[in-house]
Protein backbone atom coordinates (compact mmCIF):
# COMPACT_ATOMS: atom_id res chain seq x y z
CA MET A 1 -5.65 -0.69 -59.85
CA ALA A 2 -4.67 2.08 -57.43
CA LYS A 3 -8.32 3.06 -56.83
CA SER A 4 -9.19 -0.54 -55.99
CA ARG A 5 -6.42 -0.68 -53.39
CA ARG A 6 -7.65 2.51 -51.77
CA ARG A 7 -11.16 1.10 -51.42
CA LYS A 8 -9.83 -2.06 -49.77
CA ALA A 9 -7.75 0.00 -47.37
CA LYS A 10 -10.79 1.72 -45.83
CA VAL A 11 -10.32 1.94 -42.06
CA ASP A 12 -12.91 1.03 -39.44
CA ASN A 13 -12.99 4.41 -37.71
CA ARG A 14 -15.38 3.67 -34.88
CA ILE A 15 -14.26 5.19 -31.60
CA ALA A 16 -13.70 1.94 -29.79
CA PRO A 17 -10.70 -0.15 -28.69
CA GLN A 18 -9.76 -3.18 -30.72
CA PRO A 19 -10.35 -6.64 -29.21
CA GLY A 20 -7.31 -8.00 -27.44
CA PRO A 21 -4.70 -5.95 -25.56
CA GLN A 22 -6.44 -2.59 -26.18
CA VAL A 23 -9.68 -3.80 -24.59
CA ASP A 24 -7.68 -5.45 -21.80
CA ALA A 25 -5.86 -2.20 -21.06
CA ILE A 26 -8.94 0.04 -21.14
CA THR A 27 -10.94 -2.27 -18.89
CA ALA A 28 -8.06 -2.47 -16.39
CA ASP A 29 -8.94 0.91 -14.89
CA TRP A 30 -8.60 -0.67 -11.45
CA CYS A 31 -4.83 -0.69 -12.06
CA ARG A 32 -3.35 2.64 -11.05
CA GLU A 33 -0.16 2.47 -13.15
CA LEU A 34 -0.06 0.63 -16.46
CA LEU A 35 2.43 0.23 -19.32
CA PHE A 36 1.00 -0.74 -22.71
CA GLY A 37 2.96 -1.86 -25.76
CA GLY A 38 6.41 -3.26 -26.28
CA ALA A 39 6.44 -3.53 -30.09
CA ARG A 40 6.02 -1.25 -33.07
CA GLY A 41 2.56 -0.92 -34.59
CA GLY A 42 0.67 -2.12 -31.53
CA GLY A 43 -1.73 0.83 -31.44
CA LYS A 44 -0.17 2.47 -28.40
CA THR A 45 -1.04 6.12 -29.02
CA TYR A 46 -4.61 5.26 -30.01
CA LEU A 47 -4.96 3.36 -26.74
CA LEU A 48 -3.99 6.42 -24.69
CA LEU A 49 -6.38 8.73 -26.53
CA LEU A 50 -9.25 6.24 -26.23
CA ASP A 51 -8.52 5.63 -22.55
CA PHE A 52 -8.93 9.31 -21.74
CA ILE A 53 -12.32 9.77 -23.41
CA LYS A 54 -13.68 6.61 -21.77
CA ASP A 55 -14.48 8.60 -18.61
CA MET A 56 -14.84 12.05 -20.18
CA PRO A 57 -18.69 11.94 -20.41
CA LYS A 58 -19.04 10.61 -16.87
CA TYR A 59 -17.06 13.18 -14.86
CA GLY A 60 -17.29 16.37 -16.92
CA SER A 61 -15.10 19.23 -15.68
CA ALA A 62 -13.64 16.99 -12.97
CA TRP A 63 -12.02 14.86 -15.70
CA GLN A 64 -8.75 16.64 -16.46
CA GLY A 65 -5.87 14.94 -18.26
CA ILE A 66 -2.33 15.62 -19.38
CA LEU A 67 -0.29 13.61 -21.89
CA PHE A 68 3.52 13.97 -22.06
CA ARG A 69 6.13 13.29 -24.72
CA ARG A 70 9.85 13.92 -24.37
CA THR A 71 10.05 16.82 -26.84
CA TYR A 72 7.57 19.23 -28.37
CA ASN A 73 8.25 17.90 -31.88
CA GLU A 74 7.33 14.38 -30.75
CA LEU A 75 3.82 15.62 -29.93
CA ALA A 76 3.07 16.14 -33.64
CA GLU A 77 2.09 12.51 -34.22
CA VAL A 78 -0.06 12.43 -31.08
CA ILE A 79 -1.86 15.59 -32.22
CA ARG A 80 -2.39 14.15 -35.71
CA ILE A 81 -3.99 10.97 -34.36
CA SER A 82 -6.11 12.92 -31.86
CA LYS A 83 -7.55 14.98 -34.73
CA GLU A 84 -8.80 11.75 -36.31
CA ILE A 85 -10.72 10.80 -33.16
CA TYR A 86 -11.74 13.72 -30.99
CA PRO A 87 -13.77 15.91 -33.40
CA ARG A 88 -16.35 13.09 -33.43
CA THR A 89 -16.66 13.41 -29.64
CA LEU A 90 -17.44 17.16 -29.89
CA GLY A 91 -13.93 17.98 -28.78
CA GLU A 92 -12.51 21.36 -29.83
CA TRP A 93 -8.80 21.73 -30.55
CA LYS A 94 -7.09 24.80 -29.05
CA GLU A 95 -4.03 25.25 -31.26
CA GLY A 96 -2.29 27.90 -29.19
CA LYS A 97 -2.69 25.90 -26.00
CA THR A 98 -2.16 22.41 -27.52
CA GLU A 99 -5.27 21.26 -25.65
CA TRP A 100 -8.58 19.55 -26.35
CA HIS A 101 -11.68 21.08 -24.71
CA TRP A 102 -15.12 19.47 -24.48
CA PRO A 103 -18.49 21.16 -23.89
CA ASN A 104 -18.86 19.48 -20.47
CA GLY A 105 -15.61 21.04 -19.20
CA SER A 106 -13.22 18.12 -19.68
CA ILE A 107 -9.74 19.11 -20.88
CA LEU A 108 -6.79 17.08 -22.19
CA ARG A 109 -3.44 18.89 -22.38
CA PHE A 110 -0.47 17.85 -24.52
CA ARG A 111 2.90 18.78 -22.98
CA HIS A 112 6.59 17.84 -23.21
CA LEU A 113 9.32 17.12 -20.64
CA GLU A 114 12.62 17.75 -22.39
CA ARG A 115 14.52 18.38 -19.14
CA ASP A 116 14.05 16.86 -15.70
CA ASP A 117 13.47 20.31 -14.22
CA ASP A 118 10.42 20.80 -16.46
CA VAL A 119 8.34 18.91 -13.88
CA MET A 120 8.55 21.97 -11.64
CA LYS A 121 6.03 23.69 -13.92
CA TYR A 122 3.34 21.31 -12.70
CA GLN A 123 3.63 21.72 -8.94
CA GLY A 124 0.16 22.01 -7.48
CA HIS A 125 -1.56 20.70 -10.63
CA ALA A 126 -4.18 17.95 -10.36
CA TYR A 127 -4.90 15.44 -13.12
CA PRO A 128 -6.97 12.32 -12.45
CA TRP A 129 -5.68 11.05 -15.81
CA LEU A 130 -1.94 11.30 -16.50
CA ALA A 131 -0.14 9.70 -19.47
CA PHE A 132 3.32 9.28 -21.01
CA ASP A 133 3.61 8.29 -24.66
CA GLU A 134 6.92 6.55 -25.49
CA LEU A 135 8.10 6.49 -21.89
CA GLY A 136 11.43 4.94 -22.95
CA ASN A 137 12.46 8.30 -24.41
CA MET A 138 12.61 9.67 -20.85
CA PRO A 139 16.23 9.10 -19.72
CA SER A 140 15.44 9.30 -16.02
CA GLU A 141 12.70 7.87 -13.84
CA GLU A 142 12.87 10.92 -11.58
CA PRO A 143 10.51 13.30 -13.48
CA TYR A 144 8.08 10.44 -14.08
CA ARG A 145 7.83 9.69 -10.38
CA ALA A 146 7.80 13.37 -9.42
CA LEU A 147 4.53 13.75 -11.34
CA PHE A 148 2.83 11.09 -9.21
CA ALA A 149 1.86 13.94 -6.88
CA CYS A 150 -0.27 15.41 -9.69
CA ASN A 151 -2.30 12.24 -10.21
CA ARG A 152 -5.26 13.17 -8.01
CA PRO A 153 -8.84 14.43 -8.38
CA ALA A 154 -9.11 17.86 -10.01
CA VAL A 155 -12.35 18.73 -8.17
CA GLY A 156 -12.53 17.92 -4.49
CA ASN A 157 -16.26 17.20 -4.25
CA VAL A 158 -16.38 14.75 -7.17
CA HIS A 159 -15.56 11.14 -6.36
CA ILE A 160 -13.42 9.51 -9.05
CA PRO A 161 -12.52 5.94 -8.04
CA ASN A 162 -10.33 5.15 -11.04
CA PHE A 163 -7.91 8.04 -11.56
CA ARG A 164 -4.83 6.54 -13.13
CA ILE A 165 -1.47 6.76 -14.96
CA ARG A 166 -1.09 5.29 -18.43
CA CYS A 167 2.17 4.79 -20.37
CA THR A 168 3.36 3.34 -23.66
CA ALA A 169 6.86 2.25 -24.69
CA ASN A 170 8.96 0.24 -27.11
CA PRO A 171 12.25 -1.48 -26.19
CA GLY A 172 15.21 0.86 -26.54
CA GLY A 173 15.67 4.55 -25.93
CA PRO A 174 17.64 6.28 -23.16
CA GLY A 175 15.12 5.13 -20.54
CA HIS A 176 15.12 1.46 -21.59
CA SER A 177 16.82 0.25 -18.42
CA TRP A 178 14.58 1.87 -15.82
CA VAL A 179 11.34 1.21 -17.75
CA LYS A 180 12.29 -2.45 -18.08
CA ARG A 181 13.13 -2.68 -14.39
CA ARG A 182 9.93 -1.00 -13.29
CA PHE A 183 7.40 -2.69 -15.56
CA ILE A 184 8.87 -5.67 -17.41
CA ASP A 185 11.29 -7.48 -15.10
CA PRO A 186 8.74 -8.44 -12.39
CA HIS A 187 6.50 -10.25 -14.95
CA PRO A 188 8.04 -10.31 -18.47
CA LEU A 189 4.91 -11.81 -20.03
CA GLY A 190 2.70 -9.12 -18.53
CA TYR A 191 -0.88 -9.29 -17.27
CA GLU A 192 0.18 -9.76 -13.63
CA ALA A 193 -0.16 -6.81 -11.29
CA ILE A 194 2.36 -6.04 -8.57
CA ASP A 195 1.80 -3.84 -5.54
CA ASP A 196 4.34 -1.06 -5.14
CA PRO A 197 5.60 -1.18 -1.51
CA ILE A 198 6.20 2.59 -1.45
CA THR A 199 3.12 4.06 -3.17
CA GLY A 200 0.77 1.19 -2.42
CA TRP A 201 -0.40 1.36 -6.04
CA SER A 202 -0.94 -1.58 -8.37
CA ARG A 203 1.31 -1.66 -11.44
CA MET A 204 1.05 -3.83 -14.56
CA TYR A 205 2.43 -4.39 -18.06
CA ILE A 206 0.16 -5.34 -20.96
CA PRO A 207 2.12 -6.36 -24.08
CA SER A 208 0.83 -5.48 -27.54
CA ARG A 209 2.13 -6.63 -30.90
CA VAL A 210 1.53 -5.45 -34.44
CA THR A 211 -0.51 -8.63 -35.00
CA ASP A 212 -2.99 -7.29 -32.43
CA ASN A 213 -3.56 -4.16 -34.52
CA LYS A 214 -6.04 -5.46 -37.12
CA ILE A 215 -6.87 -1.95 -38.34
CA LEU A 216 -3.23 -1.20 -39.20
CA LEU A 217 -2.78 -4.53 -40.97
CA ALA A 218 -5.95 -3.91 -42.96
CA VAL A 219 -4.53 -0.59 -44.16
CA ASP A 220 -1.01 -1.93 -44.71
CA PRO A 221 -0.89 -5.74 -45.00
CA ASN A 222 2.85 -5.50 -45.74
CA TYR A 223 3.74 -3.71 -42.49
CA ILE A 224 5.14 -6.83 -40.81
CA ASN A 225 7.49 -7.40 -43.75
CA VAL A 226 8.54 -3.76 -43.47
CA LEU A 227 9.50 -4.34 -39.83
CA LYS A 228 11.46 -7.46 -40.79
CA GLY A 229 13.55 -5.34 -43.14
CA VAL A 230 14.41 -2.48 -40.79
CA GLY A 231 17.93 -3.61 -40.06
CA SER A 232 19.77 -5.88 -37.64
CA GLU A 233 18.28 -9.07 -36.26
CA ALA A 234 18.26 -7.55 -32.77
CA LEU A 235 16.34 -4.49 -33.94
CA VAL A 236 13.78 -6.62 -35.78
CA LYS A 237 13.31 -8.77 -32.69
CA ALA A 238 12.78 -5.72 -30.50
CA TRP A 239 10.36 -3.94 -32.82
CA LEU A 240 8.40 -6.95 -34.05
CA GLU A 241 8.30 -9.10 -30.92
CA GLY A 242 8.69 -6.43 -28.27
CA ASP A 243 11.73 -8.22 -26.84
CA TRP A 244 12.99 -6.14 -23.90
CA SER A 245 16.16 -8.19 -23.57
CA VAL A 246 17.36 -6.48 -26.76
CA VAL A 247 18.69 -2.92 -26.43
CA THR A 248 18.02 -0.99 -29.62
CA GLY A 249 20.13 2.02 -30.44
CA ALA A 250 22.85 0.87 -28.05
CA TYR A 251 26.06 2.92 -28.15
CA PHE A 252 28.37 0.04 -27.21
CA THR A 253 27.16 -2.78 -29.42
CA GLU A 254 30.57 -4.43 -28.98
CA PHE A 255 29.88 -5.28 -25.33
CA SER A 256 29.12 -8.93 -24.59
CA THR A 257 28.63 -10.58 -21.22
CA ASP A 258 30.22 -13.77 -22.54
CA ARG A 259 33.38 -12.02 -23.75
CA HIS A 260 33.87 -9.23 -21.22
CA VAL A 261 32.52 -10.44 -17.87
CA VAL A 262 34.66 -12.87 -15.86
CA VAL A 263 34.33 -14.74 -12.59
CA PRO A 264 36.25 -13.01 -9.77
CA HIS A 265 39.66 -14.47 -9.03
CA THR A 266 42.94 -13.58 -7.34
CA ILE A 267 44.86 -10.80 -9.09
CA PRO A 268 48.68 -11.20 -9.10
CA TYR A 269 50.02 -8.89 -6.41
CA TRP A 270 52.62 -7.23 -8.66
CA TRP A 271 50.15 -6.05 -11.30
CA THR A 272 49.72 -2.28 -11.46
CA ARG A 273 46.52 -1.21 -9.70
CA PHE A 274 44.67 2.08 -9.80
CA VAL A 275 41.19 3.52 -9.23
CA SER A 276 38.94 5.59 -11.49
CA MET A 277 36.14 7.79 -10.19
CA ASP A 278 33.19 9.79 -11.50
CA TRP A 279 31.92 12.15 -8.82
CA GLY A 280 28.27 12.62 -7.95
CA TYR A 281 26.21 13.80 -5.01
CA ALA A 282 22.56 14.14 -6.10
CA LYS A 283 23.45 11.74 -8.90
CA PRO A 284 25.42 8.53 -8.16
CA PHE A 285 29.20 8.51 -7.90
CA ALA A 286 31.05 5.58 -9.46
CA CYS A 287 34.43 4.13 -8.43
CA HIS A 288 36.23 1.29 -10.19
CA TRP A 289 39.40 -0.56 -9.20
CA TRP A 290 41.64 -1.70 -12.06
CA ALA A 291 44.55 -4.06 -12.55
CA VAL A 292 46.82 -4.05 -15.61
CA SER A 293 47.72 -7.49 -16.98
CA ASP A 294 51.36 -8.28 -17.74
CA GLY A 295 50.34 -11.35 -19.75
CA SER A 296 51.32 -13.84 -17.03
CA LEU A 297 47.77 -15.20 -16.86
CA ASP A 298 46.77 -16.91 -20.09
CA VAL A 299 43.22 -15.55 -19.97
CA TYR A 300 44.36 -11.91 -20.38
CA PRO A 301 46.71 -10.44 -23.00
CA SER A 302 49.46 -8.10 -21.90
CA GLY A 303 48.17 -4.59 -21.26
CA ALA A 304 44.53 -5.66 -20.75
CA LEU A 305 42.62 -3.84 -18.02
CA ILE A 306 40.59 -5.80 -15.48
CA ASN A 307 37.97 -4.05 -13.37
CA TYR A 308 38.04 -6.15 -10.19
CA ARG A 309 36.01 -4.00 -7.77
CA GLU A 310 33.20 -1.46 -7.97
CA TRP A 311 31.58 1.03 -5.59
CA TYR A 312 28.42 2.76 -6.78
CA GLY A 313 27.08 5.57 -4.60
CA SER A 314 23.33 5.43 -5.10
CA THR A 315 20.24 5.01 -2.98
CA GLY A 316 19.38 1.83 -4.85
CA GLU A 317 16.94 3.74 -7.05
CA PRO A 318 17.89 4.38 -10.68
CA ASN A 319 20.14 7.40 -11.15
CA LYS A 320 19.65 8.74 -7.62
CA GLY A 321 22.79 9.59 -5.65
CA ALA A 322 23.60 8.60 -2.08
CA ARG A 323 24.43 12.25 -1.20
CA MET A 324 27.61 11.28 0.62
CA ASP A 325 30.17 13.84 1.74
CA ILE A 326 33.35 13.81 -0.36
CA GLY A 327 35.46 13.12 2.72
CA ASN A 328 33.46 9.97 3.49
CA VAL A 329 33.76 8.84 -0.12
CA VAL A 330 37.56 9.27 -0.05
CA ASP A 331 37.75 7.35 3.24
CA GLY A 332 35.63 4.62 1.67
CA ILE A 333 38.03 4.32 -1.27
CA VAL A 334 41.00 4.12 1.09
CA ALA A 335 39.29 1.48 3.25
CA ARG A 336 38.37 -0.64 0.24
CA SER A 337 41.97 -0.44 -1.01
CA ALA A 338 43.51 -1.60 2.28
CA GLY A 339 46.46 -3.94 1.78
CA GLU A 340 46.79 -3.04 -1.91
CA SER A 341 49.35 -0.88 -3.64
CA ILE A 342 47.20 1.69 -5.47
CA GLU A 343 49.29 3.79 -7.85
CA TYR A 344 46.75 6.61 -8.28
CA VAL A 345 43.09 7.60 -8.44
CA VAL A 346 42.05 9.22 -11.73
CA VAL A 347 39.12 11.48 -10.91
CA ASP A 348 36.37 13.43 -12.58
CA PRO A 349 37.93 16.73 -13.83
CA SER A 350 35.11 18.65 -12.14
CA MET A 351 36.66 17.67 -8.79
CA TYR A 352 39.50 20.12 -9.49
CA LYS A 353 37.18 23.10 -9.74
CA GLU A 354 37.67 25.68 -7.00
CA ASP A 355 34.66 27.66 -5.82
CA GLY A 356 35.82 29.83 -2.96
CA GLY A 357 37.46 26.96 -1.09
CA PRO A 358 39.42 23.73 -1.47
CA CYS A 359 38.48 21.62 -4.47
CA PHE A 360 37.16 18.11 -3.96
CA ALA A 361 40.37 16.54 -5.32
CA GLU A 362 42.27 17.97 -2.32
CA SER A 363 40.38 15.51 -0.10
CA PHE A 364 42.75 12.81 -1.39
CA VAL A 365 45.90 14.67 -0.30
CA GLY A 366 48.04 12.54 2.01
CA LYS A 367 45.97 9.44 1.26
CA ILE A 368 46.21 8.45 -2.43
CA PRO A 369 47.82 10.32 -5.36
CA THR A 370 45.31 11.67 -7.88
CA LYS A 371 45.25 12.36 -11.62
CA ARG A 372 42.90 14.67 -13.47
CA GLY A 373 40.67 12.62 -15.77
CA ASP A 374 40.82 13.16 -19.53
CA ASN A 375 37.42 14.65 -20.40
CA ASN A 376 37.67 14.31 -24.19
CA ARG A 377 34.51 12.27 -24.47
CA VAL A 378 34.46 10.98 -28.04
CA PRO A 379 38.12 9.80 -28.03
CA GLY A 380 37.44 8.21 -24.64
CA TRP A 381 34.47 6.26 -25.98
CA GLY A 382 36.63 5.29 -28.93
CA GLU A 383 39.25 3.87 -26.55
CA LEU A 384 36.59 1.86 -24.70
CA ARG A 385 35.17 0.55 -27.96
CA LYS A 386 38.66 -0.37 -29.19
CA ARG A 387 39.35 -2.33 -26.01
CA LEU A 388 35.96 -4.07 -26.15
CA VAL A 389 36.78 -5.25 -29.69
CA GLY A 390 40.37 -6.13 -28.75
CA VAL A 391 42.93 -7.76 -31.02
CA ASP A 392 41.95 -10.84 -33.03
CA ARG A 393 38.67 -10.82 -31.03
CA VAL A 394 40.55 -11.07 -27.73
CA PRO A 395 39.29 -8.15 -25.60
CA LEU A 396 41.59 -5.72 -23.83
CA VAL A 397 39.12 -4.81 -21.07
CA TYR A 398 37.26 -7.10 -18.63
CA PHE A 399 34.85 -6.75 -15.72
CA PHE A 400 34.45 -8.98 -12.70
CA SER A 401 30.86 -10.21 -12.42
CA THR A 402 30.65 -8.38 -9.08
CA SER A 403 30.78 -5.03 -10.91
CA THR A 404 27.03 -5.20 -11.34
CA GLU A 405 26.33 -1.52 -12.03
CA VAL A 406 28.74 -1.08 -14.94
CA ILE A 407 27.52 -4.39 -16.39
CA ARG A 408 23.93 -3.14 -16.03
CA THR A 409 24.36 0.34 -17.47
CA LEU A 410 27.09 0.05 -20.13
CA PRO A 411 25.02 -1.97 -22.66
CA THR A 412 22.02 0.36 -22.24
CA MET A 413 23.85 3.57 -23.19
CA GLN A 414 22.38 5.36 -26.21
CA HIS A 415 23.68 7.69 -28.93
CA ASP A 416 23.17 11.40 -28.32
CA ARG A 417 20.23 12.64 -30.38
CA VAL A 418 22.16 15.70 -31.65
CA LYS A 419 25.79 14.58 -31.65
CA ALA A 420 25.51 10.98 -32.80
CA GLU A 421 29.18 10.14 -32.23
CA ASP A 422 28.80 10.97 -28.53
CA LEU A 423 26.91 9.17 -25.79
CA ASP A 424 23.59 10.52 -24.49
CA THR A 425 24.49 12.27 -21.22
CA ASP A 426 20.89 12.16 -20.01
CA GLY A 427 21.21 8.44 -19.35
CA GLU A 428 22.73 6.76 -16.28
CA ASP A 429 26.27 7.20 -17.59
CA HIS A 430 28.27 7.51 -14.35
CA CYS A 431 29.93 4.08 -14.56
CA CYS A 432 30.81 4.68 -18.20
CA ASP A 433 32.43 8.00 -17.32
CA SER A 434 34.48 6.32 -14.58
CA VAL A 435 35.57 3.59 -17.00
CA ARG A 436 36.47 6.22 -19.59
CA TYR A 437 38.68 8.09 -17.11
CA GLY A 438 40.41 4.83 -16.22
CA LEU A 439 41.11 3.77 -19.78
CA MET A 440 42.36 7.21 -20.77
CA SER A 441 44.74 7.51 -17.80
CA ARG A 442 47.59 5.86 -19.76
CA PRO A 443 47.98 2.92 -17.35
CA TYR A 444 51.20 0.91 -17.54
CA PHE A 445 51.94 -2.66 -16.50
CA THR A 446 54.71 -3.97 -14.28
CA GLU A 447 56.46 -7.28 -14.80
CA LYS A 448 56.87 -9.93 -12.17
CA PRO A 449 59.94 -9.07 -10.03
CA LYS A 450 63.00 -11.20 -10.72
CA ASP A 451 63.93 -13.68 -7.99
CA GLU A 452 60.85 -12.56 -6.09
CA GLU A 453 60.15 -16.11 -4.91
CA ALA A 454 63.52 -16.31 -3.24
CA MET A 455 63.08 -12.95 -1.52
CA ARG A 456 59.64 -13.67 -0.10
CA THR A 457 59.19 -15.53 3.19
CA MET A 458 56.70 -18.25 4.05
CA GLN A 459 54.77 -15.62 5.99
CA ASP A 460 54.23 -13.60 2.77
CA ILE A 461 53.32 -16.42 0.40
CA THR A 462 49.66 -17.26 -0.23
CA PHE A 463 48.07 -20.71 -0.05
CA ASN A 464 47.39 -20.74 -3.80
CA GLU A 465 51.02 -19.92 -4.53
CA MET A 466 52.18 -22.69 -2.16
CA TRP A 467 49.95 -25.15 -4.01
CA ASP A 468 51.37 -24.03 -7.39
CA LEU A 469 54.93 -24.47 -6.08
CA GLU A 470 54.09 -27.95 -4.79
CA LYS A 471 52.75 -28.98 -8.21
CA GLN A 472 55.91 -27.63 -9.87
CA PHE A 473 58.07 -29.55 -7.35
CA ARG A 474 56.24 -32.80 -8.06
CA ARG A 475 56.74 -32.42 -11.80
CA GLN A 476 60.48 -31.91 -11.28
CA ARG A 477 60.98 -34.89 -8.95
CA VAL A 478 62.73 -37.95 -10.34
CA PHE A 479 61.47 -41.35 -9.10
């Protein structure tokens, strides 16, 4: 019985793309930047390896390529698959160099980018074919874009009209947010190119599902059922359908837009207010304004924290800081807090470091009192998770819908690959750090002052409060 199954599982090993998305992707060489995939088992790595050798015979030594994975260990699967294909194209594997060499001079290099600074190794390099397998494992878009400068002809006197960048990805991973924004959000169904206003390049997403991979299903007809049994409904949806609205491996699975995001409204003036801040210069800084509920509004339990304002110091590009001077940032916090009674600003502990001069925290002196943030990460994440869950499913932390950056980044945070109980610091975690400092600052709430209505004048009272008093007066009148 076992021998019969092996005979039926014989794979069509011709060096050719499969009909459907693989053919579509390989024939789209007019598109400079392309993302292929979206689901498990869609034949992503095979597509990359086939795409490179498509032009290998045509351009010879001018056809130079480089394929990146996040870590060296992740290259093992790419190398294994390449050894199934490339020997039949007369390619020779150079073990010590992790490269394929062909008799006509073409070379394909396999490399890894574990740190953002690793891109510096490739300054001055030229690769008409550049690829990233599992792009979502790259936490930051910065090294990806930095390598654009390398995507150019390797030999000046050889005209190559279709040099290109090819990527694959599944939903999830530390880079989920920026990959989705760059490739998926403009056209979620794919197959529609957009023109990048900065580079002038065309960019496109071609989705691929396991059902498109006939060779895999011939070898393992049960593979789809295996995917259906991997775990949660969200994970199955992401892996089987390539649903990018699902964040796999999320650190804060408790977060829900419906439960934790509220429409902005007036905050009672007597509620304790404070600010939390995560400092950044090359990376974004994040500031969040908080109010502590005393239970006087039915929507919030006593002691709940409400983030009612946000200031995110970025250029508008993912994870790239605005490079603002600390003095200007402090002035911006003061200006945004005008007319409010801010008890303190809890700041990134690194702002207290002295390096031959005043520390950054001293910039607040004479303006707003400061507290040193609690930098115990895992207990801090535990506090955030506890507040997201709340008591009897009533949360103890909320975010105004205008706090767009924390709402964007918090649900995309991933577990650290080494220390699973911690959050992956390679992601865009600046808002989460600011929130953590705020929650761990031991905020207290103040009760509504007694007889405060009698002490306040008509000049102090707000229109909403006048309307509430009028309604109370009408209920008390006797006709």
